[in-house]
């Protein structure tokens, strides 16, 4: 009788805990023309909730001259397709910013304890976008459109999908996979466009082989180790 009760308790515990999936990605980081350091992204899914942490740290030799220390903690409801929270800390040289964002509902958010009215439907940040892209069936010539959250605001991200060719004599180091590059924009509209280019692995689920983010302070390029 005791054994039966113990088995029932174990079964109930497993049902409560739910399914947990996790993965970790390590990147080498280039900031502008400088090989800056490393980045790590850890993603975990539990009961339909995606928790992602992305950290970028400068190498020891560079940190003595110039510090690069950025981090993002993202919580995203996969089933409801909505952001729950986004915490971002930026430390790039003398530039420092911190944002703590809570998505209250589809029309209100809280940024550093200040409530703002905003259309939050369909918003994603970079970690949640990477998860969605990993499960997306990509086709050559497609255009993917997103509203991407970046710290304290969002912008439009329109990506053109292109299948890369096999390495050749003229391109011996060509990486096979899918190039996702932002569509060109005019100077007038560029302020509301987010520049994010990706190289995803060829087969499903796609892995992020290369991530390039265009910022006001230079390009950050992360290559999967």
Protein backbone atom coordinates (compact mmCIF):
# COMPACT_ATOMS: atom_id res chain seq x y z
CA UNK A 1 0.00 0.00 0.00
CA UNK A 2 2.84 2.40 0.89
CA UNK A 3 4.60 1.60 -2.40
CA UNK A 4 1.41 2.41 -4.35
CA UNK A 5 1.04 5.73 -2.51
CA UNK A 6 4.70 6.59 -3.18
CA UNK A 7 4.25 5.85 -6.89
CA UNK A 8 1.13 8.01 -7.01
CA UNK A 9 2.97 10.87 -5.29
CA UNK A 10 5.83 10.56 -7.78
CA UNK A 11 3.39 10.62 -10.71
CA UNK A 12 1.62 13.69 -9.34
CA UNK A 13 4.97 15.45 -8.84
CA UNK A 14 5.99 14.74 -12.44
CA UNK A 15 2.67 16.05 -13.72
CA UNK A 16 3.04 19.24 -11.69
CA UNK A 17 6.62 19.87 -12.78
CA UNK A 18 5.76 19.34 -16.45
CA UNK A 19 8.15 18.98 -19.34
CA UNK A 20 11.46 20.86 -19.15
CA UNK A 21 13.69 21.36 -22.20
CA UNK A 22 16.94 23.29 -22.26
CA UNK A 23 19.80 24.13 -24.57
CA UNK A 24 22.93 26.26 -24.47
CA UNK A 25 24.76 28.14 -27.24
CA UNK A 26 28.28 29.59 -27.04
CA UNK A 27 29.43 32.34 -29.41
CA UNK A 28 32.61 34.22 -30.24
CA UNK A 29 31.92 37.95 -30.33
CA UNK A 30 33.30 40.60 -32.66
CA UNK A 31 32.45 44.23 -31.88
CA UNK A 32 33.16 46.47 -34.85
CA UNK A 33 36.68 45.52 -35.93
CA UNK A 34 37.61 44.13 -32.50
CA UNK A 35 37.41 40.50 -31.39
CA UNK A 36 35.64 41.40 -28.20
CA UNK A 37 35.01 38.21 -26.24
CA UNK A 38 32.34 35.56 -25.83
CA UNK A 39 28.57 35.24 -25.52
CA UNK A 40 26.35 32.57 -24.02
CA UNK A 41 22.65 31.99 -24.57
CA UNK A 42 20.74 29.52 -22.41
CA UNK A 43 17.13 28.67 -23.23
CA UNK A 44 14.78 26.58 -21.13
CA UNK A 45 11.16 25.66 -21.76
CA UNK A 46 8.89 24.62 -18.92
CA UNK A 47 5.11 24.29 -19.21
CA UNK A 48 5.03 26.38 -22.40
CA UNK A 49 7.13 29.21 -20.95
CA UNK A 50 10.45 30.06 -22.62
CA UNK A 51 13.09 31.53 -20.30
CA UNK A 52 16.19 32.81 -22.09
CA UNK A 53 19.37 34.43 -20.85
CA UNK A 54 21.86 36.03 -23.21
CA UNK A 55 25.16 37.40 -21.87
CA UNK A 56 28.02 39.05 -23.75
CA UNK A 57 31.35 39.55 -21.98
CA UNK A 58 34.58 41.12 -23.22
CA UNK A 59 37.78 39.08 -23.19
CA UNK A 60 40.21 39.64 -20.26
CA UNK A 61 42.72 41.61 -22.35
CA UNK A 62 40.01 43.93 -23.73
CA UNK A 63 38.29 44.49 -20.39
CA UNK A 64 41.43 46.28 -19.16
CA UNK A 65 40.94 48.86 -21.93
CA UNK A 66 37.25 48.84 -22.74
CA UNK A 67 34.39 46.88 -21.14
CA UNK A 68 31.68 45.06 -23.04
CA UNK A 69 29.12 43.52 -20.71
CA UNK A 70 25.57 43.16 -22.04
CA UNK A 71 22.84 40.85 -20.78
CA UNK A 72 19.22 40.04 -21.56
CA UNK A 73 16.82 37.95 -19.48
CA UNK A 74 13.66 37.15 -21.42
CA UNK A 75 10.47 35.32 -20.41
CA UNK A 76 8.05 34.49 -23.23
CA UNK A 77 4.76 32.58 -23.30
CA UNK A 78 5.04 30.29 -26.33
CA UNK A 79 1.42 29.13 -26.32
CA UNK A 80 -0.05 32.63 -25.98
CA UNK A 81 2.71 34.16 -28.15
CA UNK A 82 3.30 37.08 -25.81
CA UNK A 83 6.17 38.59 -23.87
CA UNK A 84 5.99 38.33 -20.08
CA UNK A 85 9.13 40.23 -19.12
CA UNK A 86 12.36 41.57 -20.60
CA UNK A 87 15.33 42.69 -18.51
CA UNK A 88 18.29 44.26 -20.29
CA UNK A 89 21.57 45.65 -18.95
CA UNK A 90 24.02 47.41 -21.28
CA UNK A 91 27.61 48.24 -20.37
CA UNK A 92 29.68 49.25 -23.38
CA UNK A 93 32.63 51.40 -22.39
CA UNK A 94 31.21 54.50 -20.69
CA UNK A 95 27.69 53.80 -21.97
CA UNK A 96 25.34 52.28 -19.36
CA UNK A 97 21.63 51.52 -19.61
CA UNK A 98 19.29 49.25 -17.65
CA UNK A 99 15.73 48.36 -18.58
CA UNK A 100 13.29 46.23 -16.62
CA UNK A 101 10.11 45.66 -18.61
CA UNK A 102 6.92 43.88 -17.60
CA UNK A 103 4.22 43.24 -20.19
CA UNK A 104 1.04 43.73 -18.17
CA UNK A 105 -1.44 42.96 -20.98
CA UNK A 106 -1.84 43.51 -24.71
CA UNK A 107 -2.02 47.30 -24.31
CA UNK A 108 0.07 48.18 -21.24
CA UNK A 109 3.68 47.67 -20.18
CA UNK A 110 5.81 48.78 -17.26
CA UNK A 111 9.32 50.08 -17.99
CA UNK A 112 11.47 50.73 -14.92
CA UNK A 113 8.27 51.01 -12.83
CA UNK A 114 6.61 53.47 -15.23
CA UNK A 115 3.41 52.28 -16.92
CA UNK A 116 3.00 53.07 -20.61
CA UNK A 117 0.28 52.40 -23.14
CA UNK A 118 1.60 50.34 -26.05
CA UNK A 119 0.35 47.77 -28.52
CA UNK A 120 2.19 44.72 -27.17
CA UNK A 121 0.54 42.13 -29.41
CA UNK A 122 3.02 40.07 -31.38
CA UNK A 123 6.10 41.61 -29.78
CA UNK A 124 9.22 39.46 -29.49
CA UNK A 125 12.75 40.10 -28.34
CA UNK A 126 15.87 38.53 -29.82
CA UNK A 127 15.91 35.35 -27.65
CA UNK A 128 12.22 34.58 -28.25
CA UNK A 129 12.62 35.37 -31.96
CA UNK A 130 15.56 32.96 -32.24
CA UNK A 131 13.42 30.23 -30.66
CA UNK A 132 10.60 30.84 -33.12
CA UNK A 133 12.97 30.90 -36.10
CA UNK A 134 14.52 27.61 -34.99
CA UNK A 135 11.14 25.94 -35.60
CA UNK A 136 10.16 27.89 -38.74
CA UNK A 137 10.24 26.15 -42.12
CA UNK A 138 12.26 28.57 -44.24
CA UNK A 139 11.84 28.97 -48.00
CA UNK A 140 14.14 30.79 -50.41
CA UNK A 141 12.84 34.28 -51.26
CA UNK A 142 10.38 34.54 -48.37
CA UNK A 143 10.00 37.75 -46.36
CA UNK A 144 9.46 37.41 -42.61
CA UNK A 145 7.97 40.33 -40.69
CA UNK A 146 8.25 40.87 -36.93
CA UNK A 147 7.82 43.53 -34.27
CA UNK A 148 10.99 43.27 -32.23
CA UNK A 149 11.41 44.62 -28.70
CA UNK A 150 14.77 46.18 -27.94
CA UNK A 151 15.17 47.43 -24.39
CA UNK A 152 12.69 50.29 -24.05
CA UNK A 153 10.99 50.35 -27.47
CA UNK A 154 10.16 48.20 -30.47
CA UNK A 155 10.82 48.42 -34.19
CA UNK A 156 9.88 46.67 -37.39
CA UNK A 157 12.11 43.84 -38.51
CA UNK A 158 11.62 42.59 -42.08
CA UNK A 159 13.92 39.72 -43.02
CA UNK A 160 14.59 38.38 -46.51
CA UNK A 161 15.27 34.62 -46.54
CA UNK A 162 18.02 33.36 -48.86
CA UNK A 163 19.44 29.85 -49.06
CA UNK A 164 23.24 29.91 -49.18
CA UNK A 165 25.10 27.93 -51.81
CA UNK A 166 27.66 25.21 -51.25
CA UNK A 167 31.32 26.23 -50.73
CA UNK A 168 33.10 26.81 -54.04
CA UNK A 169 36.52 27.78 -55.36
CA UNK A 170 35.65 31.46 -55.02
CA UNK A 171 33.83 31.03 -51.70
CA UNK A 172 35.69 28.23 -49.93
CA UNK A 173 34.50 29.31 -46.46
CA UNK A 174 30.84 29.68 -47.37
CA UNK A 175 28.61 28.50 -44.52
CA UNK A 176 25.63 26.47 -45.67
CA UNK A 177 22.29 27.42 -44.25
CA UNK A 178 19.82 30.30 -44.43
CA UNK A 179 20.76 33.96 -44.57
CA UNK A 180 18.14 36.21 -43.00
CA UNK A 181 18.97 39.80 -43.84
CA UNK A 182 16.95 42.97 -43.13
CA UNK A 183 15.30 44.65 -46.09
CA UNK A 184 16.81 47.99 -47.07
CA UNK A 185 15.27 51.10 -45.58
CA UNK A 186 15.45 54.80 -46.29
CA UNK A 187 17.10 57.28 -43.95
CA UNK A 188 13.64 58.58 -43.01
CA UNK A 189 12.38 55.18 -41.86
CA UNK A 190 15.66 53.78 -40.51
CA UNK A 191 15.01 55.07 -36.99
CA UNK A 192 12.05 52.69 -36.67
CA UNK A 193 13.85 49.73 -38.25
CA UNK A 194 15.91 47.24 -36.28
CA UNK A 195 18.99 45.94 -38.05
CA UNK A 196 19.41 42.26 -37.24
CA UNK A 197 20.95 39.75 -39.67
CA UNK A 198 21.12 36.01 -39.04
CA UNK A 199 22.65 32.87 -40.45
CA UNK A 200 20.60 29.84 -39.43
CA UNK A 201 21.64 26.22 -39.91
CA UNK A 202 20.24 24.31 -42.87
CA UNK A 203 17.95 21.74 -41.23
CA UNK A 204 15.22 21.92 -38.59
CA UNK A 205 15.52 22.81 -35.80
CA UNK A 206 17.66 25.70 -37.06
CA UNK A 207 20.62 26.77 -34.92
CA UNK A 208 21.82 30.40 -34.91
CA UNK A 209 25.25 30.10 -36.59
CA UNK A 210 25.77 33.85 -36.82
CA UNK A 211 23.99 36.85 -35.31
CA UNK A 212 24.77 40.40 -36.39
CA UNK A 213 23.20 43.37 -34.60
CA UNK A 214 23.69 46.90 -35.93
CA UNK A 215 23.78 49.35 -33.02
CA UNK A 216 24.54 53.07 -32.68
CA UNK A 217 27.96 52.14 -31.31
CA UNK A 218 29.01 49.57 -33.89
CA UNK A 219 28.16 46.12 -35.20
CA UNK A 220 28.08 43.17 -32.79
CA UNK A 221 28.75 39.88 -34.58
CA UNK A 222 28.35 36.57 -32.75
CA UNK A 223 29.50 33.31 -34.34
CA UNK A 224 28.52 29.94 -32.91
CA UNK A 225 31.48 28.01 -31.55
